[in-house]
Amino acid sequence: MVFSAGGAVTMEATYSAESKNQPNFIAAIYPWMDIISNQKAPSNKPPAFISCANDDPLNLAKPSIQIYQDWILAGGKAELHMFSKGGHGYGMNNINAPVDRWSQLLIDWILAL
């Protein structure tokens, strides 16, 4: 599970992973992806959970949607939670908005894998 710039690290590691070192799943929370643009979902892709807010001031909603679409189009398992409010850096903080539930949604998703 990663936040923001950690998304680039996790996604690059996932894109270049081999079966022997592939993560069991990835959880990219408002992932920053500019440094790894034009990547395609790997053939050995793990299930992916993605969460972001539409009002992220770093404009990370679009790349979050792109990861989801790439995974789905490649036949992978993915879940996307895009919240109308939350900004950037909501993390585990309670900001009294629907985005506060993202961590429970992640737990529910992991349990359903």
PDB file of N, CA and C in Angstrom:
ATOM      1  N   MET A   1       0.852  -1.164   0.000  1.00  0.00           N
ATOM      2  CA  MET A   1       0.000   0.000   0.000  1.00  0.00           C
ATOM      3  C   MET A   1       0.900   1.230   0.000  1.00  0.00           C
ATOM      4  N   VAL A   2       0.570   2.162  -0.873  1.00  0.00           N
ATOM      5  CA  VAL A   2       1.385   3.360  -0.997  1.00  0.00           C
ATOM      6  C   VAL A   2       0.510   4.591  -1.144  1.00  0.00           C
ATOM      7  N   PHE A   3       1.109   5.715  -0.841  1.00  0.00           N
ATOM      8  CA  PHE A   3       0.445   7.006  -0.972  1.00  0.00           C
ATOM      9  C   PHE A   3       1.278   7.907  -1.871  1.00  0.00           C
ATOM     10  N   SER A   4       0.629   8.685  -2.697  1.00  0.00           N
ATOM     11  CA  SER A   4       1.222   9.753  -3.486  1.00  0.00           C
ATOM     12  C   SER A   4       2.460   9.291  -4.273  1.00  0.00           C
ATOM     13  N   ALA A   5       3.623   9.887  -4.004  1.00  0.00           N
ATOM     14  CA  ALA A   5       4.838   9.554  -4.761  1.00  0.00           C
ATOM     15  C   ALA A   5       5.206   8.080  -4.609  1.00  0.00           C
ATOM     16  N   GLY A   6       4.807   7.460  -3.524  1.00  0.00           N
ATOM     17  CA  GLY A   6       5.040   6.028  -3.370  1.00  0.00           C
ATOM     18  C   GLY A   6       4.345   5.222  -4.452  1.00  0.00           C
ATOM     19  N   GLY A   7       3.296   5.812  -5.044  1.00  0.00           N
ATOM     20  CA  GLY A   7       2.594   5.161  -6.148  1.00  0.00           C
ATOM     21  C   GLY A   7       3.514   4.912  -7.321  1.00  0.00           C
ATOM     22  N   ALA A   8       4.384   5.871  -7.614  1.00  0.00           N
ATOM     23  CA  ALA A   8       5.328   5.704  -8.718  1.00  0.00           C
ATOM     24  C   ALA A   8       6.299   4.563  -8.432  1.00  0.00           C
ATOM     25  N   VAL A   9       6.766   4.482  -7.201  1.00  0.00           N
ATOM     26  CA  VAL A   9       7.699   3.416  -6.824  1.00  0.00           C
ATOM     27  C   VAL A   9       7.023   2.051  -6.926  1.00  0.00           C
ATOM     28  N   THR A  10       5.843   1.942  -6.350  1.00  0.00           N
ATOM     29  CA  THR A  10       5.129   0.667  -6.371  1.00  0.00           C
ATOM     30  C   THR A  10       4.740   0.255  -7.778  1.00  0.00           C
ATOM     31  N   MET A  11       4.244   1.213  -8.563  1.00  0.00           N
ATOM     32  CA  MET A  11       3.823   0.864  -9.911  1.00  0.00           C
ATOM     33  C   MET A  11       5.016   0.465 -10.774  1.00  0.00           C
ATOM     34  N   GLU A  12       6.133   1.174 -10.664  1.00  0.00           N
ATOM     35  CA  GLU A  12       7.308   0.795 -11.441  1.00  0.00           C
ATOM     36  C   GLU A  12       7.790  -0.596 -11.029  1.00  0.00           C
ATOM     37  N   ALA A  13       7.807  -0.879  -9.729  1.00  0.00           N
ATOM     38  CA  ALA A  13       8.198  -2.210  -9.264  1.00  0.00           C
ATOM     39  C   ALA A  13       7.224  -3.263  -9.779  1.00  0.00           C
ATOM     40  N   THR A  14       5.951  -2.940  -9.830  1.00  0.00           N
ATOM     41  CA  THR A  14       4.944  -3.872 -10.337  1.00  0.00           C
ATOM     42  C   THR A  14       5.099  -4.087 -11.834  1.00  0.00           C
ATOM     43  N   TYR A  15       5.328  -3.003 -12.575  1.00  0.00           N
ATOM     44  CA  TYR A  15       5.501  -3.118 -14.028  1.00  0.00           C
ATOM     45  C   TYR A  15       6.714  -3.980 -14.380  1.00  0.00           C
ATOM     46  N   SER A  16       7.756  -3.937 -13.558  1.00  0.00           N
ATOM     47  CA  SER A  16       8.982  -4.672 -13.886  1.00  0.00           C
ATOM     48  C   SER A  16       9.150  -5.979 -13.106  1.00  0.00           C
ATOM     49  N   ALA A  17       8.177  -6.337 -12.273  1.00  0.00           N
ATOM     50  CA  ALA A  17       8.274  -7.546 -11.452  1.00  0.00           C
ATOM     51  C   ALA A  17       8.193  -8.812 -12.299  1.00  0.00           C
ATOM     52  N   GLU A  18       8.871  -9.816 -11.814  1.00  0.00           N
ATOM     53  CA  GLU A  18       8.736 -11.157 -12.376  1.00  0.00           C
ATOM     54  C   GLU A  18       7.862 -11.948 -11.411  1.00  0.00           C
ATOM     55  N   SER A  19       7.379 -13.077 -11.847  1.00  0.00           N
ATOM     56  CA  SER A  19       6.481 -13.877 -10.996  1.00  0.00           C
ATOM     57  C   SER A  19       7.055 -14.128  -9.614  1.00  0.00           C
ATOM     58  N   LYS A  20       8.369 -14.337  -9.529  1.00  0.00           N
ATOM     59  CA  LYS A  20       8.988 -14.669  -8.244  1.00  0.00           C
ATOM     60  C   LYS A  20       9.026 -13.505  -7.253  1.00  0.00           C
ATOM     61  N   ASN A  21       8.932 -12.263  -7.736  1.00  0.00           N
ATOM     62  CA  ASN A  21       8.991 -11.129  -6.816  1.00  0.00           C
ATOM     63  C   ASN A  21       7.798 -10.183  -6.961  1.00  0.00           C
ATOM     64  N   GLN A  22       6.727 -10.668  -7.519  1.00  0.00           N
ATOM     65  CA  GLN A  22       5.513  -9.875  -7.716  1.00  0.00           C
ATOM     66  C   GLN A  22       4.752  -9.755  -6.399  1.00  0.00           C
ATOM     67  N   PRO A  23       4.222  -8.551  -6.104  1.00  0.00           N
ATOM     68  CA  PRO A  23       3.394  -8.436  -4.896  1.00  0.00           C
ATOM     69  C   PRO A  23       2.091  -9.223  -5.050  1.00  0.00           C
ATOM     70  N   ASN A  24       1.506  -9.609  -3.929  1.00  0.00           N
ATOM     71  CA  ASN A  24       0.227 -10.324  -3.954  1.00  0.00           C
ATOM     72  C   ASN A  24      -0.909  -9.419  -4.393  1.00  0.00           C
ATOM     73  N   PHE A  25      -0.811  -8.137  -4.079  1.00  0.00           N
ATOM     74  CA  PHE A  25      -1.769  -7.131  -4.514  1.00  0.00           C
ATOM     75  C   PHE A  25      -1.101  -5.775  -4.340  1.00  0.00           C
ATOM     76  N   ILE A  26      -1.679  -4.759  -4.966  1.00  0.00           N
ATOM     77  CA  ILE A  26      -1.196  -3.391  -4.761  1.00  0.00           C
ATOM     78  C   ILE A  26      -2.372  -2.517  -4.363  1.00  0.00           C
ATOM     79  N   ALA A  27      -2.101  -1.534  -3.543  1.00  0.00           N
ATOM     80  CA  ALA A  27      -3.100  -0.541  -3.150  1.00  0.00           C
ATOM     81  C   ALA A  27      -2.462   0.824  -3.365  1.00  0.00           C
ATOM     82  N   ALA A  28      -2.866   1.486  -4.429  1.00  0.00           N
ATOM     83  CA  ALA A  28      -2.316   2.792  -4.785  1.00  0.00           C
ATOM     84  C   ALA A  28      -3.312   3.868  -4.358  1.00  0.00           C
ATOM     85  N   ILE A  29      -2.923   4.649  -3.358  1.00  0.00           N
ATOM     86  CA  ILE A  29      -3.806   5.683  -2.820  1.00  0.00           C
ATOM     87  C   ILE A  29      -3.287   7.030  -3.308  1.00  0.00           C
ATOM     88  N   TYR A  30      -4.102   7.728  -4.072  1.00  0.00           N
ATOM     89  CA  TYR A  30      -3.746   8.941  -4.816  1.00  0.00           C
ATOM     90  C   TYR A  30      -2.325   8.860  -5.376  1.00  0.00           C
ATOM     91  N   PRO A  31      -2.109   7.860  -6.272  1.00  0.00           N
ATOM     92  CA  PRO A  31      -0.752   7.632  -6.782  1.00  0.00           C
ATOM     93  C   PRO A  31      -0.283   8.705  -7.765  1.00  0.00           C
ATOM     94  N   TRP A  32       0.915   9.170  -7.547  1.00  0.00           N
ATOM     95  CA  TRP A  32       1.567  10.105  -8.456  1.00  0.00           C
ATOM     96  C   TRP A  32       2.300   9.272  -9.494  1.00  0.00           C
ATOM     97  N   MET A  33       1.995   9.489 -10.775  1.00  0.00           N
ATOM     98  CA  MET A  33       2.479   8.591 -11.822  1.00  0.00           C
ATOM     99  C   MET A  33       3.286   9.272 -12.925  1.00  0.00           C
ATOM    100  N   ASP A  34       3.537  10.564 -12.830  1.00  0.00           N
ATOM    101  CA  ASP A  34       4.167  11.284 -13.941  1.00  0.00           C
ATOM    102  C   ASP A  34       5.482  10.673 -14.413  1.00  0.00           C
ATOM    103  N   ILE A  35       6.280  10.122 -13.517  1.00  0.00           N
ATOM    104  CA  ILE A  35       7.590   9.626 -13.930  1.00  0.00           C
ATOM    105  C   ILE A  35       7.536   8.268 -14.624  1.00  0.00           C
ATOM    106  N   ILE A  36       6.379   7.645 -14.625  1.00  0.00           N
ATOM    107  CA  ILE A  36       6.285   6.340 -15.288  1.00  0.00           C
ATOM    108  C   ILE A  36       5.126   6.310 -16.269  1.00  0.00           C
ATOM    109  N   SER A  37       4.967   7.385 -17.010  1.00  0.00           N
ATOM    110  CA  SER A  37       3.876   7.434 -17.980  1.00  0.00           C
ATOM    111  C   SER A  37       4.123   6.442 -19.109  1.00  0.00           C
ATOM    112  N   ASN A  38       3.077   6.163 -19.837  1.00  0.00           N
ATOM    113  CA  ASN A  38       3.118   5.251 -20.991  1.00  0.00           C
ATOM    114  C   ASN A  38       3.481   3.813 -20.630  1.00  0.00           C
ATOM    115  N   GLN A  39       3.163   3.386 -19.434  1.00  0.00           N
ATOM    116  CA  GLN A  39       3.364   1.996 -19.049  1.00  0.00           C
ATOM    117  C   GLN A  39       2.090   1.222 -19.365  1.00  0.00           C
ATOM    118  N   LYS A  40       2.233  -0.059 -19.540  1.00  0.00           N
ATOM    119  CA  LYS A  40       1.084  -0.936 -19.736  1.00  0.00           C
ATOM    120  C   LYS A  40       1.056  -1.952 -18.603  1.00  0.00           C
ATOM    121  N   ALA A  41      -0.123  -2.410 -18.298  1.00  0.00           N
ATOM    122  CA  ALA A  41      -0.252  -3.407 -17.232  1.00  0.00           C
ATOM    123  C   ALA A  41       0.585  -4.631 -17.593  1.00  0.00           C
ATOM    124  N   PRO A  42       1.376  -5.130 -16.653  1.00  0.00           N
ATOM    125  CA  PRO A  42       2.198  -6.303 -16.930  1.00  0.00           C
ATOM    126  C   PRO A  42       1.343  -7.558 -17.077  1.00  0.00           C
ATOM    127  N   SER A  43       1.881  -8.555 -17.739  1.00  0.00           N
ATOM    128  CA  SER A  43       1.123  -9.797 -17.930  1.00  0.00           C
ATOM    129  C   SER A  43       0.879 -10.511 -16.600  1.00  0.00           C
ATOM    130  N   ASN A  44       1.776 -10.358 -15.647  1.00  0.00           N
ATOM    131  CA  ASN A  44       1.645 -11.015 -14.342  1.00  0.00           C
ATOM    132  C   ASN A  44       1.138 -10.025 -13.287  1.00  0.00           C
ATOM    133  N   LYS A  45       0.167  -9.199 -13.681  1.00  0.00           N
ATOM    134  CA  LYS A  45      -0.323  -8.136 -12.803  1.00  0.00           C
ATOM    135  C   LYS A  45      -1.038  -8.679 -11.568  1.00  0.00           C
ATOM    136  N   PRO A  46      -0.736  -8.100 -10.402  1.00  0.00           N
ATOM    137  CA  PRO A  46      -1.477  -8.461  -9.194  1.00  0.00           C
ATOM    138  C   PRO A  46      -2.788  -7.693  -9.147  1.00  0.00           C
ATOM    139  N   PRO A  47      -3.739  -8.117  -8.336  1.00  0.00           N
ATOM    140  CA  PRO A  47      -4.953  -7.335  -8.154  1.00  0.00           C
ATOM    141  C   PRO A  47      -4.592  -5.924  -7.659  1.00  0.00           C
ATOM    142  N   ALA A  48      -5.367  -4.933  -8.104  1.00  0.00           N
ATOM    143  CA  ALA A  48      -5.056  -3.544  -7.769  1.00  0.00           C
ATOM    144  C   ALA A  48      -6.259  -2.842  -7.154  1.00  0.00           C
ATOM    145  N   PHE A  49      -6.000  -2.110  -6.097  1.00  0.00           N
ATOM    146  CA  PHE A  49      -6.987  -1.248  -5.440  1.00  0.00           C
ATOM    147  C   PHE A  49      -6.479   0.175  -5.600  1.00  0.00           C
ATOM    148  N   ILE A  50      -7.330   1.067  -6.101  1.00  0.00           N
ATOM    149  CA  ILE A  50      -6.928   2.447  -6.340  1.00  0.00           C
ATOM    150  C   ILE A  50      -7.955   3.368  -5.699  1.00  0.00           C
ATOM    151  N   SER A  51      -7.468   4.396  -5.021  1.00  0.00           N
ATOM    152  CA  SER A  51      -8.347   5.383  -4.400  1.00  0.00           C
ATOM    153  C   SER A  51      -7.783   6.776  -4.630  1.00  0.00           C
ATOM    154  N   CYS A  52      -8.656   7.725  -4.942  1.00  0.00           N
ATOM    155  CA  CYS A  52      -8.244   9.102  -5.164  1.00  0.00           C
ATOM    156  C   CYS A  52      -9.458  10.005  -4.991  1.00  0.00           C
ATOM    157  N   ALA A  53      -9.213  11.305  -4.951  1.00  0.00           N
ATOM    158  CA  ALA A  53     -10.293  12.280  -4.879  1.00  0.00           C
ATOM    159  C   ALA A  53     -10.279  13.145  -6.134  1.00  0.00           C
ATOM    160  N   ASN A  54     -11.465  13.443  -6.638  1.00  0.00           N
ATOM    161  CA  ASN A  54     -11.572  14.292  -7.826  1.00  0.00           C
ATOM    162  C   ASN A  54     -10.943  15.659  -7.624  1.00  0.00           C
ATOM    163  N   ASP A  55     -10.962  16.146  -6.389  1.00  0.00           N
ATOM    164  CA  ASP A  55     -10.433  17.481  -6.128  1.00  0.00           C
ATOM    165  C   ASP A  55      -8.971  17.479  -5.701  1.00  0.00           C
ATOM    166  N   ASP A  56      -8.238  16.398  -5.992  1.00  0.00           N
ATOM    167  CA  ASP A  56      -6.808  16.340  -5.678  1.00  0.00           C
ATOM    168  C   ASP A  56      -6.108  17.489  -6.418  1.00  0.00           C
ATOM    169  N   PRO A  57      -5.445  18.410  -5.699  1.00  0.00           N
ATOM    170  CA  PRO A  57      -4.822  19.561  -6.355  1.00  0.00           C
ATOM    171  C   PRO A  57      -3.640  19.185  -7.249  1.00  0.00           C
ATOM    172  N   LEU A  58      -3.134  17.964  -7.119  1.00  0.00           N
ATOM    173  CA  LEU A  58      -2.055  17.506  -7.995  1.00  0.00           C
ATOM    174  C   LEU A  58      -2.598  16.809  -9.242  1.00  0.00           C
ATOM    175  N   ASN A  59      -3.925  16.850  -9.401  1.00  0.00           N
ATOM    176  CA  ASN A  59      -4.582  16.258 -10.572  1.00  0.00           C
ATOM    177  C   ASN A  59      -4.267  14.767 -10.737  1.00  0.00           C
ATOM    178  N   LEU A  60      -4.384  14.031  -9.645  1.00  0.00           N
ATOM    179  CA  LEU A  60      -4.060  12.606  -9.674  1.00  0.00           C
ATOM    180  C   LEU A  60      -5.263  11.725  -9.974  1.00  0.00           C
ATOM    181  N   ALA A  61      -6.430  12.318 -10.152  1.00  0.00           N
ATOM    182  CA  ALA A  61      -7.616  11.523 -10.468  1.00  0.00           C
ATOM    183  C   ALA A  61      -7.455  10.827 -11.822  1.00  0.00           C
ATOM    184  N   LYS A  62      -7.020  11.555 -12.829  1.00  0.00           N
ATOM    185  CA  LYS A  62      -6.896  10.976 -14.166  1.00  0.00           C
ATOM    186  C   LYS A  62      -5.907   9.808 -14.205  1.00  0.00           C
ATOM    187  N   PRO A  63      -4.694   9.946 -13.638  1.00  0.00           N
ATOM    188  CA  PRO A  63      -3.795   8.781 -13.651  1.00  0.00           C
ATOM    189  C   PRO A  63      -4.337   7.595 -12.846  1.00  0.00           C
ATOM    190  N   SER A  64      -5.097   7.881 -11.786  1.00  0.00           N
ATOM    191  CA  SER A  64      -5.700   6.794 -10.998  1.00  0.00           C
ATOM    192  C   SER A  64      -6.692   6.021 -11.854  1.00  0.00           C
ATOM    193  N   ILE A  65      -7.495   6.748 -12.607  1.00  0.00           N
ATOM    194  CA  ILE A  65      -8.458   6.108 -13.511  1.00  0.00           C
ATOM    195  C   ILE A  65      -7.724   5.318 -14.586  1.00  0.00           C
ATOM    196  N   GLN A  66      -6.595   5.853 -15.068  1.00  0.00           N
ATOM    197  CA  GLN A  66      -5.826   5.175 -16.110  1.00  0.00           C
ATOM    198  C   GLN A  66      -5.272   3.835 -15.624  1.00  0.00           C
ATOM    199  N   ILE A  67      -4.774   3.809 -14.392  1.00  0.00           N
ATOM    200  CA  ILE A  67      -4.287   2.531 -13.837  1.00  0.00           C
ATOM    201  C   ILE A  67      -5.428   1.517 -13.832  1.00  0.00           C
ATOM    202  N   TYR A  68      -6.580   1.941 -13.334  1.00  0.00           N
ATOM    203  CA  TYR A  68      -7.746   1.059 -13.276  1.00  0.00           C
ATOM    204  C   TYR A  68      -8.096   0.542 -14.671  1.00  0.00           C
ATOM    205  N   GLN A  69      -8.197   1.447 -15.629  1.00  0.00           N
ATOM    206  CA  GLN A  69      -8.554   1.045 -16.989  1.00  0.00           C
ATOM    207  C   GLN A  69      -7.515   0.097 -17.583  1.00  0.00           C
ATOM    208  N   ASP A  70      -6.243   0.389 -17.372  1.00  0.00           N
ATOM    209  CA  ASP A  70      -5.181  -0.485 -17.891  1.00  0.00           C
ATOM    210  C   ASP A  70      -5.325  -1.900 -17.333  1.00  0.00           C
ATOM    211  N   TRP A  71      -5.582  -1.980 -16.036  1.00  0.00           N
ATOM    212  CA  TRP A  71      -5.707  -3.303 -15.387  1.00  0.00           C
ATOM    213  C   TRP A  71      -6.910  -4.062 -15.938  1.00  0.00           C
ATOM    214  N   ILE A  72      -8.045  -3.389 -16.022  1.00  0.00           N
ATOM    215  CA  ILE A  72      -9.276  -4.032 -16.495  1.00  0.00           C
ATOM    216  C   ILE A  72      -9.144  -4.452 -17.955  1.00  0.00           C
ATOM    217  N   LEU A  73      -8.631  -3.556 -18.790  1.00  0.00           N
ATOM    218  CA  LEU A  73      -8.479  -3.878 -20.214  1.00  0.00           C
ATOM    219  C   LEU A  73      -7.504  -5.028 -20.445  1.00  0.00           C
ATOM    220  N   ALA A  74      -6.557  -5.218 -19.519  1.00  0.00           N
ATOM    221  CA  ALA A  74      -5.598  -6.316 -19.627  1.00  0.00           C
ATOM    222  C   ALA A  74      -6.114  -7.586 -18.951  1.00  0.00           C
ATOM    223  N   GLY A  75      -7.364  -7.568 -18.499  1.00  0.00           N
ATOM    224  CA  GLY A  75      -7.949  -8.757 -17.883  1.00  0.00           C
ATOM    225  C   GLY A  75      -7.599  -8.933 -16.422  1.00  0.00           C
ATOM    226  N   GLY A  76      -7.118  -7.885 -15.783  1.00  0.00           N
ATOM    227  CA  GLY A  76      -6.737  -7.973 -14.377  1.00  0.00           C
ATOM    228  C   GLY A  76      -7.893  -7.659 -13.449  1.00  0.00           C
ATOM    229  N   LYS A  77      -7.656  -7.887 -12.178  1.00  0.00           N
ATOM    230  CA  LYS A  77      -8.635  -7.548 -11.149  1.00  0.00           C
ATOM    231  C   LYS A  77      -8.267  -6.173 -10.604  1.00  0.00           C
ATOM    232  N   ALA A  78      -9.257  -5.286 -10.563  1.00  0.00           N
ATOM    233  CA  ALA A  78      -9.002  -3.947 -10.039  1.00  0.00           C
ATOM    234  C   ALA A  78     -10.274  -3.372  -9.452  1.00  0.00           C
ATOM    235  N   GLU A  79     -10.069  -2.500  -8.487  1.00  0.00           N
ATOM    236  CA  GLU A  79     -11.188  -1.780  -7.880  1.00  0.00           C
ATOM    237  C   GLU A  79     -10.760  -0.328  -7.745  1.00  0.00           C
ATOM    238  N   LEU A  80     -11.634   0.571  -8.147  1.00  0.00           N
ATOM    239  CA  LEU A  80     -11.356   2.004  -8.099  1.00  0.00           C
ATOM    240  C   LEU A  80     -12.396   2.695  -7.234  1.00  0.00           C
ATOM    241  N   HIS A  81     -11.912   3.547  -6.324  1.00  0.00           N
ATOM    242  CA  HIS A  81     -12.800   4.373  -5.510  1.00  0.00           C
ATOM    243  C   HIS A  81     -12.381   5.821  -5.723  1.00  0.00           C
ATOM    244  N   MET A  82     -13.216   6.547  -6.454  1.00  0.00           N
ATOM    245  CA  MET A  82     -12.972   7.953  -6.746  1.00  0.00           C
ATOM    246  C   MET A  82     -13.976   8.769  -5.941  1.00  0.00           C
ATOM    247  N   PHE A  83     -13.458   9.608  -5.068  1.00  0.00           N
ATOM    248  CA  PHE A  83     -14.304  10.401  -4.182  1.00  0.00           C
ATOM    249  C   PHE A  83     -14.395  11.836  -4.689  1.00  0.00           C
ATOM    250  N   SER A  84     -15.540  12.461  -4.506  1.00  0.00           N
ATOM    251  CA  SER A  84     -15.724  13.829  -4.991  1.00  0.00           C
ATOM    252  C   SER A  84     -14.880  14.832  -4.204  1.00  0.00           C
ATOM    253  N   LYS A  85     -14.664  14.557  -2.913  1.00  0.00           N
ATOM    254  CA  LYS A  85     -13.872  15.443  -2.056  1.00  0.00           C
ATOM    255  C   LYS A  85     -12.889  14.636  -1.240  1.00  0.00           C
ATOM    256  N   GLY A  86     -11.763  15.241  -0.991  1.00  0.00           N
ATOM    257  CA  GLY A  86     -10.746  14.596  -0.172  1.00  0.00           C
ATOM    258  C   GLY A  86      -9.395  15.256  -0.358  1.00  0.00           C
ATOM    259  N   GLY A  87      -9.235  15.924  -1.503  1.00  0.00           N
ATOM    260  CA  GLY A  87      -7.978  16.604  -1.758  1.00  0.00           C
ATOM    261  C   GLY A  87      -6.821  15.635  -1.895  1.00  0.00           C
ATOM    262  N   HIS A  88      -5.655  16.075  -1.477  1.00  0.00           N
ATOM    263  CA  HIS A  88      -4.446  15.246  -1.528  1.00  0.00           C
ATOM    264  C   HIS A  88      -3.926  15.085  -0.107  1.00  0.00           C
ATOM    265  N   GLY A  89      -3.491  13.896   0.215  1.00  0.00           N
ATOM    266  CA  GLY A  89      -2.922  13.660   1.537  1.00  0.00           C
ATOM    267  C   GLY A  89      -3.935  13.317   2.606  1.00  0.00           C
ATOM    268  N   TYR A  90      -5.107  12.832   2.206  1.00  0.00           N
ATOM    269  CA  TYR A  90      -6.107  12.487   3.218  1.00  0.00           C
ATOM    270  C   TYR A  90      -5.665  11.316   4.068  1.00  0.00           C
ATOM    271  N   GLY A  91      -4.850  10.439   3.537  1.00  0.00           N
ATOM    272  CA  GLY A  91      -4.292   9.340   4.318  1.00  0.00           C
ATOM    273  C   GLY A  91      -5.304   8.648   5.203  1.00  0.00           C
ATOM    274  N   MET A  92      -4.942   8.431   6.430  1.00  0.00           N
ATOM    275  CA  MET A  92      -5.815   7.766   7.394  1.00  0.00           C
ATOM    276  C   MET A  92      -6.577   8.779   8.243  1.00  0.00           C
ATOM    277  N   ASN A  93      -6.492  10.056   7.857  1.00  0.00           N
ATOM    278  CA  ASN A  93      -7.150  11.118   8.618  1.00  0.00           C
ATOM    279  C   ASN A  93      -8.658  11.093   8.418  1.00  0.00           C
ATOM    280  N   ASN A  94      -9.373  11.496   9.435  1.00  0.00           N
ATOM    281  CA  ASN A  94     -10.815  11.643   9.348  1.00  0.00           C
ATOM    282  C   ASN A  94     -11.097  13.103   9.008  1.00  0.00           C
ATOM    283  N   ILE A  95     -11.610  13.346   7.804  1.00  0.00           N
ATOM    284  CA  ILE A  95     -11.908  14.718   7.385  1.00  0.00           C
ATOM    285  C   ILE A  95     -13.421  14.940   7.255  1.00  0.00           C
ATOM    286  N   ASN A  96     -14.189  14.023   7.833  1.00  0.00           N
ATOM    287  CA  ASN A  96     -15.655  14.106   7.798  1.00  0.00           C
ATOM    288  C   ASN A  96     -16.197  14.184   6.375  1.00  0.00           C
ATOM    289  N   ALA A  97     -15.719  13.290   5.546  1.00  0.00           N
ATOM    290  CA  ALA A  97     -16.150  13.197   4.152  1.00  0.00           C
ATOM    291  C   ALA A  97     -16.213  11.715   3.776  1.00  0.00           C
ATOM    292  N   PRO A  98     -16.904  11.371   2.695  1.00  0.00           N
ATOM    293  CA  PRO A  98     -16.972   9.971   2.284  1.00  0.00           C
ATOM    294  C   PRO A  98     -15.603   9.311   2.084  1.00  0.00           C
ATOM    295  N   VAL A  99     -14.593  10.089   1.760  1.00  0.00           N
ATOM    296  CA  VAL A  99     -13.253   9.533   1.560  1.00  0.00           C
ATOM    297  C   VAL A  99     -12.713   8.873   2.836  1.00  0.00           C
ATOM    298  N   ASP A 100     -13.282   9.223   3.979  1.00  0.00           N
ATOM    299  CA  ASP A 100     -12.858   8.624   5.248  1.00  0.00           C
ATOM    300  C   ASP A 100     -13.019   7.106   5.245  1.00  0.00           C
ATOM    301  N   ARG A 101     -13.862   6.570   4.371  1.00  0.00           N
ATOM    302  CA  ARG A 101     -14.128   5.124   4.342  1.00  0.00           C
ATOM    303  C   ARG A 101     -13.168   4.342   3.455  1.00  0.00           C
ATOM    304  N   TRP A 102     -12.226   5.003   2.792  1.00  0.00           N
ATOM    305  CA  TRP A 102     -11.394   4.279   1.828  1.00  0.00           C
ATOM    306  C   TRP A 102     -10.657   3.111   2.477  1.00  0.00           C
ATOM    307  N   SER A 103     -10.161   3.279   3.701  1.00  0.00           N
ATOM    308  CA  SER A 103      -9.391   2.191   4.322  1.00  0.00           C
ATOM    309  C   SER A 103     -10.273   0.983   4.631  1.00  0.00           C
ATOM    310  N   GLN A 104     -11.529   1.211   5.020  1.00  0.00           N
ATOM    311  CA  GLN A 104     -12.447   0.082   5.236  1.00  0.00           C
ATOM    312  C   GLN A 104     -12.777  -0.587   3.906  1.00  0.00           C
ATOM    313  N   LEU A 105     -12.916   0.198   2.853  1.00  0.00           N
ATOM    314  CA  LEU A 105     -13.154  -0.369   1.523  1.00  0.00           C
ATOM    315  C   LEU A 105     -11.979  -1.240   1.094  1.00  0.00           C
ATOM    316  N   LEU A 106     -10.761  -0.811   1.424  1.00  0.00           N
ATOM    317  CA  LEU A 106      -9.571  -1.619   1.132  1.00  0.00           C
ATOM    318  C   LEU A 106      -9.616  -2.943   1.892  1.00  0.00           C
ATOM    319  N   ILE A 107      -9.945  -2.890   3.151  1.00  0.00           N
ATOM    320  CA  ILE A 107     -10.041  -4.125   3.950  1.00  0.00           C
ATOM    321  C   ILE A 107     -11.090  -5.056   3.363  1.00  0.00           C
ATOM    322  N   ASP A 108     -12.248  -4.521   3.026  1.00  0.00           N
ATOM    323  CA  ASP A 108     -13.313  -5.332   2.430  1.00  0.00           C
ATOM    324  C   ASP A 108     -12.826  -5.983   1.126  1.00  0.00           C
ATOM    325  N   TRP A 109     -12.103  -5.212   0.326  1.00  0.00           N
ATOM    326  CA  TRP A 109     -11.587  -5.708  -0.959  1.00  0.00           C
ATOM    327  C   TRP A 109     -10.579  -6.838  -0.734  1.00  0.00           C
ATOM    328  N   ILE A 110      -9.657  -6.647   0.210  1.00  0.00           N
ATOM    329  CA  ILE A 110      -8.650  -7.680   0.501  1.00  0.00           C
ATOM    330  C   ILE A 110      -9.340  -8.971   0.962  1.00  0.00           C
ATOM    331  N   LEU A 111     -10.323  -8.846   1.824  1.00  0.00           N
ATOM    332  CA  LEU A 111     -11.018 -10.017   2.333  1.00  0.00           C
ATOM    333  C   LEU A 111     -11.775 -10.763   1.228  1.00  0.00           C
ATOM    334  N   ALA A 112     -12.163 -10.047   0.185  1.00  0.00           N
ATOM    335  CA  ALA A 112     -12.899 -10.666  -0.920  1.00  0.00           C
ATOM    336  C   ALA A 112     -11.995 -11.267  -2.000  1.00  0.00           C
ATOM    337  N   LEU A 113     -10.693 -11.020  -1.918  1.00  0.00           N
ATOM    338  CA  LEU A 113      -9.768 -11.559  -2.938  1.00  0.00           C
ATOM    339  C   LEU A 113      -9.745 -13.075  -2.937  1.00  0.00           C
TER     340      LEU A 113
END
